[in-house]
């Protein structure tokens, strides 16, 4: 418990000089805010990759009624974003027999879904088929 008190006191002590400093600190803060305003405008046009992932999962779930379990592929394209999202289409017992599907999902540069299609369907417990040329 005493470590917690010491830690919080140390943090308060560390933060106090910054808040008590003069105009120099406030001017630097204003400079940071103005540069953040410029970067925020750019960020508004282009979502972060994590925002794109969240939007894609949410929009696909809304359209199909199936919750996304994982994202197995994600890339930025000339037209926006392209993802492959895994969903459970049919729950079965045991779970390894549940039917899964991979959906190809395309989004525009702002992260709005422009199209999707199912590219494969498989049982959860099955590995991908053996590919020629590999072992």
Protein backbone atom coordinates (compact mmCIF):
# COMPACT_ATOMS: atom_id res chain seq x y z
CA UNK A 1 0.00 0.00 0.00
CA UNK A 2 2.79 2.43 0.81
CA UNK A 3 4.20 1.90 -2.71
CA UNK A 4 0.92 3.04 -4.17
CA UNK A 5 0.94 6.20 -2.06
CA UNK A 6 4.54 6.92 -2.96
CA UNK A 7 3.87 6.32 -6.63
CA UNK A 8 0.84 8.59 -6.73
CA UNK A 9 2.71 11.26 -4.73
CA UNK A 10 5.65 11.02 -7.12
CA UNK A 11 3.32 11.39 -10.08
CA UNK A 12 1.63 14.41 -8.48
CA UNK A 13 5.04 15.94 -7.78
CA UNK A 14 6.16 15.29 -11.35
CA UNK A 15 3.00 16.83 -12.80
CA UNK A 16 3.00 19.88 -10.52
CA UNK A 17 6.00 21.72 -12.05
CA UNK A 18 4.50 21.38 -15.51
CA UNK A 19 1.21 22.93 -14.46
CA UNK A 20 2.97 25.72 -12.52
CA UNK A 21 5.27 26.70 -15.39
CA UNK A 22 4.90 30.01 -17.17
CA UNK A 23 3.90 31.11 -20.67
CA UNK A 24 6.56 28.98 -22.37
CA UNK A 25 4.69 25.84 -21.46
CA UNK A 26 1.37 27.28 -22.61
CA UNK A 27 2.88 28.47 -25.92
CA UNK A 28 4.32 25.01 -26.58
CA UNK A 29 0.93 23.56 -25.76
CA UNK A 30 -0.72 25.88 -28.28
CA UNK A 31 1.83 24.86 -30.92
CA UNK A 32 1.06 21.21 -30.23
CA UNK A 33 -2.68 21.89 -30.47
CA UNK A 34 -2.36 23.66 -33.82
CA UNK A 35 -0.28 20.84 -35.28
CA UNK A 36 -2.79 18.33 -33.88
CA UNK A 37 -5.60 20.28 -35.57
CA UNK A 38 -3.85 19.88 -38.93
CA UNK A 39 -3.23 16.17 -38.41
CA UNK A 40 -6.81 15.66 -37.16
CA UNK A 41 -8.14 17.06 -40.43
CA UNK A 42 -6.06 14.56 -42.37
CA UNK A 43 -7.03 11.75 -39.97
CA UNK A 44 -10.72 12.56 -40.51
CA UNK A 45 -10.33 11.74 -44.21
CA UNK A 46 -8.39 8.52 -43.63
CA UNK A 47 -9.30 6.21 -40.76
CA UNK A 48 -6.60 4.27 -38.96
CA UNK A 49 -6.18 0.58 -39.79
CA UNK A 50 -7.83 -0.39 -36.47
CA UNK A 51 -10.82 1.82 -37.26
CA UNK A 52 -11.09 0.18 -40.68
CA UNK A 53 -11.02 -3.29 -39.08
CA UNK A 54 -13.74 -2.34 -36.59
CA UNK A 55 -15.91 -0.75 -39.28
CA UNK A 56 -15.54 -3.73 -41.61
CA UNK A 57 -16.49 -6.23 -38.89
CA UNK A 58 -19.42 -4.14 -37.75
CA UNK A 59 -20.79 -3.46 -41.23
CA UNK A 60 -20.47 -7.10 -42.34
CA UNK A 61 -22.26 -8.26 -39.18
CA UNK A 62 -25.05 -5.75 -39.77
CA UNK A 63 -25.54 -6.86 -43.38
CA UNK A 64 -25.26 -10.62 -42.87
CA UNK A 65 -26.50 -11.06 -39.32
CA UNK A 66 -23.34 -13.05 -38.51
CA UNK A 67 -20.68 -11.84 -36.11
CA UNK A 68 -17.10 -11.72 -37.36
CA UNK A 69 -14.81 -14.09 -35.47
CA UNK A 70 -11.50 -12.96 -36.94
CA UNK A 71 -9.83 -11.04 -39.72
CA UNK A 72 -7.46 -13.31 -41.65
CA UNK A 73 -6.35 -10.85 -44.32
CA UNK A 74 -6.09 -7.06 -44.41
CA UNK A 75 -4.54 -4.72 -46.97
CA UNK A 76 -4.81 -1.21 -48.31
CA UNK A 77 -5.60 -1.04 -52.03
CA UNK A 78 -5.79 1.72 -54.63
CA UNK A 79 -9.57 1.81 -54.12
CA UNK A 80 -9.55 1.67 -50.30
CA UNK A 81 -9.21 -1.49 -48.21
CA UNK A 82 -9.63 -5.23 -48.75
CA UNK A 83 -10.16 -7.72 -45.93
CA UNK A 84 -10.96 -11.38 -45.50
CA UNK A 85 -13.18 -11.94 -42.49
CA UNK A 86 -14.05 -15.30 -40.90
CA UNK A 87 -17.59 -15.82 -39.57
CA UNK A 88 -19.49 -18.76 -38.11
CA UNK A 89 -22.40 -19.50 -40.41
CA UNK A 90 -23.83 -22.51 -38.59
CA UNK A 91 -23.11 -23.58 -35.02
CA UNK A 92 -22.88 -27.33 -34.45
CA UNK A 93 -21.96 -29.67 -31.63
CA UNK A 94 -19.13 -30.36 -31.23
CA UNK A 95 -17.85 -26.88 -32.07
CA UNK A 96 -15.21 -28.33 -34.40
CA UNK A 97 -18.04 -29.26 -36.77
CA UNK A 98 -19.47 -25.72 -36.95
CA UNK A 99 -19.63 -24.28 -40.47
CA UNK A 100 -17.35 -21.31 -40.99
CA UNK A 101 -17.05 -18.97 -43.95
CA UNK A 102 -14.48 -16.52 -45.27
CA UNK A 103 -15.85 -13.30 -46.71
CA UNK A 104 -13.93 -10.97 -48.99
CA UNK A 105 -14.88 -7.45 -47.85
CA UNK A 106 -14.05 -4.28 -49.78
CA UNK A 107 -14.17 -0.80 -48.25
CA UNK A 108 -13.66 2.67 -49.68
CA UNK A 109 -10.80 4.89 -48.39
CA UNK A 110 -13.08 6.23 -45.61
CA UNK A 111 -13.86 2.70 -44.37
CA UNK A 112 -17.39 2.34 -45.76
CA UNK A 113 -18.24 -1.12 -47.04
CA UNK A 114 -18.60 -1.17 -50.82
CA UNK A 115 -19.04 -4.90 -51.34
CA UNK A 116 -18.59 -8.38 -49.91
CA UNK A 117 -18.75 -11.98 -51.09
CA UNK A 118 -18.28 -15.40 -49.54
CA UNK A 119 -15.09 -16.94 -50.91
CA UNK A 120 -15.13 -20.26 -49.08
CA UNK A 121 -17.04 -22.34 -46.57
CA UNK A 122 -15.50 -24.97 -44.31
CA UNK A 123 -15.86 -26.91 -41.06
CA UNK A 124 -14.06 -25.24 -38.17
CA UNK A 125 -12.03 -28.34 -37.37
CA UNK A 126 -10.69 -28.86 -40.92
CA UNK A 127 -7.39 -27.61 -42.21
CA UNK A 128 -7.07 -26.05 -45.67
CA UNK A 129 -6.80 -28.55 -48.51
CA UNK A 130 -3.35 -29.74 -49.54
CA UNK A 131 -1.94 -27.45 -52.21
CA UNK A 132 0.02 -28.78 -55.19
CA UNK A 133 3.77 -28.33 -54.93
CA UNK A 134 3.82 -28.26 -51.12
CA UNK A 135 4.06 -30.93 -48.44
